[in-house]
Amino acid sequence: MTPEELRAFCLSFNAVVEDFPFSPGVSVFKVLGKMFALSSLDERPLTVNLKCDPEDAVRLRGEHEGLIAPGYHMNKRHWNTVTVDGELPDRLVRELIEDSYDLVVSGLPRADRLRLDRP
């Protein structure tokens, strides 16, 4: 997955915006103001921080040691840093991004979730 593909996939979800609250080189992808992905798209290797269910986070780190690690500069219980350099299948990376988005959306107030479901 290229940086452009990562950005496009993150932006493909409903109500997502890209923001730069930390520095111009750090893309933060948010749904209704809540972050679900963070990446320095110009860094190599390309990595993305993603929100994750705590039990899944630990399992994924064990299954993909060296490619999925506790979230860098994040709450390590709820965030993973995923290396997107081609060793992990793009399909898995997309699933992890979608899971992160869904997890954040599930924590939004009911009115906001209903608003997201409207076309």
Protein backbone atom coordinates (compact mmCIF):
# COMPACT_ATOMS: atom_id res chain seq x y z
CA MET A 1 0.00 0.00 0.00
CA THR A 2 1.41 3.36 -1.00
CA PRO A 3 1.01 6.54 1.03
CA GLU A 4 -1.48 7.79 -1.57
CA GLU A 5 -3.52 4.58 -1.31
CA LEU A 6 -3.47 4.78 2.50
CA ARG A 7 -4.70 8.39 2.43
CA ALA A 8 -7.39 7.62 -0.17
CA PHE A 9 -8.64 4.59 1.77
CA CYS A 10 -8.86 6.51 5.04
CA LEU A 11 -10.72 9.35 3.31
CA SER A 12 -13.16 6.92 1.63
CA PHE A 13 -15.15 6.45 4.84
CA ASN A 14 -18.22 8.53 5.62
CA ALA A 15 -17.59 11.97 7.22
CA VAL A 16 -13.77 11.59 7.39
CA VAL A 17 -11.43 14.55 7.20
CA GLU A 18 -7.66 14.75 7.18
CA ASP A 19 -6.22 17.15 9.73
CA PHE A 20 -2.70 18.21 10.76
CA PRO A 21 -2.95 19.16 14.47
CA PHE A 22 0.55 17.96 15.42
CA SER A 23 2.68 19.08 12.46
CA PRO A 24 2.34 19.53 8.70
CA GLY A 25 3.88 16.09 8.10
CA VAL A 26 1.54 14.07 10.33
CA SER A 27 -1.83 13.22 8.79
CA VAL A 28 -4.60 12.62 11.31
CA PHE A 29 -7.78 11.07 9.95
CA LYS A 30 -10.89 11.88 11.95
CA VAL A 31 -14.56 11.00 11.84
CA LEU A 32 -16.70 13.74 13.37
CA GLY A 33 -13.68 15.09 15.24
CA LYS A 34 -12.49 11.73 16.63
CA MET A 35 -9.18 10.30 15.44
CA PHE A 36 -9.10 6.76 14.00
CA ALA A 37 -5.79 6.83 12.07
CA LEU A 38 -2.53 8.76 12.23
CA SER A 39 0.39 8.52 9.81
CA SER A 40 3.51 10.36 8.71
CA LEU A 41 2.88 9.62 5.04
CA ASP A 42 6.38 10.71 3.97
CA GLU A 43 8.22 8.47 6.47
CA ARG A 44 9.81 5.17 5.50
CA PRO A 45 8.87 2.58 6.42
CA LEU A 46 5.29 3.76 6.13
CA THR A 47 3.37 3.19 9.36
CA VAL A 48 -0.12 4.03 10.57
CA ASN A 49 -1.44 4.18 14.12
CA LEU A 50 -4.87 2.56 14.40
CA LYS A 51 -7.35 2.17 17.23
CA CYS A 52 -7.95 -1.44 18.18
CA ASP A 53 -9.91 -3.52 20.65
CA PRO A 54 -7.43 -4.26 23.48
CA GLU A 55 -7.69 -8.06 23.16
CA ASP A 56 -7.33 -7.92 19.38
CA ALA A 57 -4.40 -5.52 19.74
CA VAL A 58 -2.41 -8.02 21.79
CA ARG A 59 -3.33 -10.92 19.48
CA LEU A 60 -2.33 -9.00 16.35
CA ARG A 61 1.02 -8.00 17.88
CA GLY A 62 1.75 -11.66 18.58
CA GLU A 63 0.68 -12.85 15.14
CA HIS A 64 2.60 -10.14 13.26
CA GLU A 65 5.61 -9.46 15.45
CA GLY A 66 7.74 -6.64 14.11
CA LEU A 67 4.96 -5.42 11.80
CA ILE A 68 2.27 -4.59 14.36
CA ALA A 69 3.48 -3.03 17.60
CA PRO A 70 2.00 -1.08 20.50
CA GLY A 71 0.92 2.37 19.33
CA TYR A 72 3.86 4.77 19.13
CA HIS A 73 3.11 7.81 21.34
CA MET A 74 -0.40 6.46 21.92
CA ASN A 75 -2.31 4.58 24.61
CA LYS A 76 -0.72 1.19 24.00
CA ARG A 77 -3.76 -0.67 25.28
CA HIS A 78 -6.01 0.78 22.57
CA TRP A 79 -3.67 1.64 19.68
CA ASN A 80 -1.34 -0.31 17.39
CA THR A 81 1.32 0.95 15.02
CA VAL A 82 1.04 -1.01 11.78
CA THR A 83 3.96 -1.12 9.34
CA VAL A 84 2.61 -0.74 5.82
CA ASP A 85 5.64 -1.74 3.77
CA GLY A 86 4.19 -4.64 1.80
CA GLU A 87 4.95 -7.46 4.24
CA LEU A 88 1.41 -7.38 5.61
CA PRO A 89 -1.26 -8.10 3.00
CA ASP A 90 -3.02 -4.90 1.84
CA ARG A 91 -6.32 -6.64 2.59
CA LEU A 92 -5.35 -7.00 6.28
CA VAL A 93 -4.23 -3.36 6.46
CA ARG A 94 -7.56 -2.26 4.97
CA GLU A 95 -9.46 -4.43 7.48
CA LEU A 96 -7.50 -2.92 10.38
CA ILE A 97 -8.22 0.62 9.14
CA GLU A 98 -11.91 -0.19 8.75
CA ASP A 99 -12.00 -1.79 12.22
CA SER A 100 -10.42 1.36 13.68
CA TYR A 101 -13.01 3.57 11.96
CA ASP A 102 -15.86 1.32 13.12
CA LEU A 103 -14.55 1.28 16.70
CA VAL A 104 -14.43 5.07 16.82
CA VAL A 105 -17.87 5.41 15.24
CA SER A 106 -19.33 2.96 17.78
CA GLY A 107 -18.18 5.29 20.56
CA LEU A 108 -19.88 8.36 19.10
CA PRO A 109 -23.16 9.63 20.52
CA ARG A 110 -26.23 7.92 19.05
CA ALA A 111 -27.35 11.05 17.18
CA ASP A 112 -23.97 11.27 15.43
CA ARG A 113 -24.02 7.57 14.51
CA LEU A 114 -27.50 7.99 13.02
CA ARG A 115 -26.30 11.02 11.05
CA LEU A 116 -23.47 8.92 9.57
CA ASP A 117 -25.93 6.24 8.41
CA ARG A 118 -27.86 8.71 6.25
CA PRO A 119 -26.85 8.89 2.58
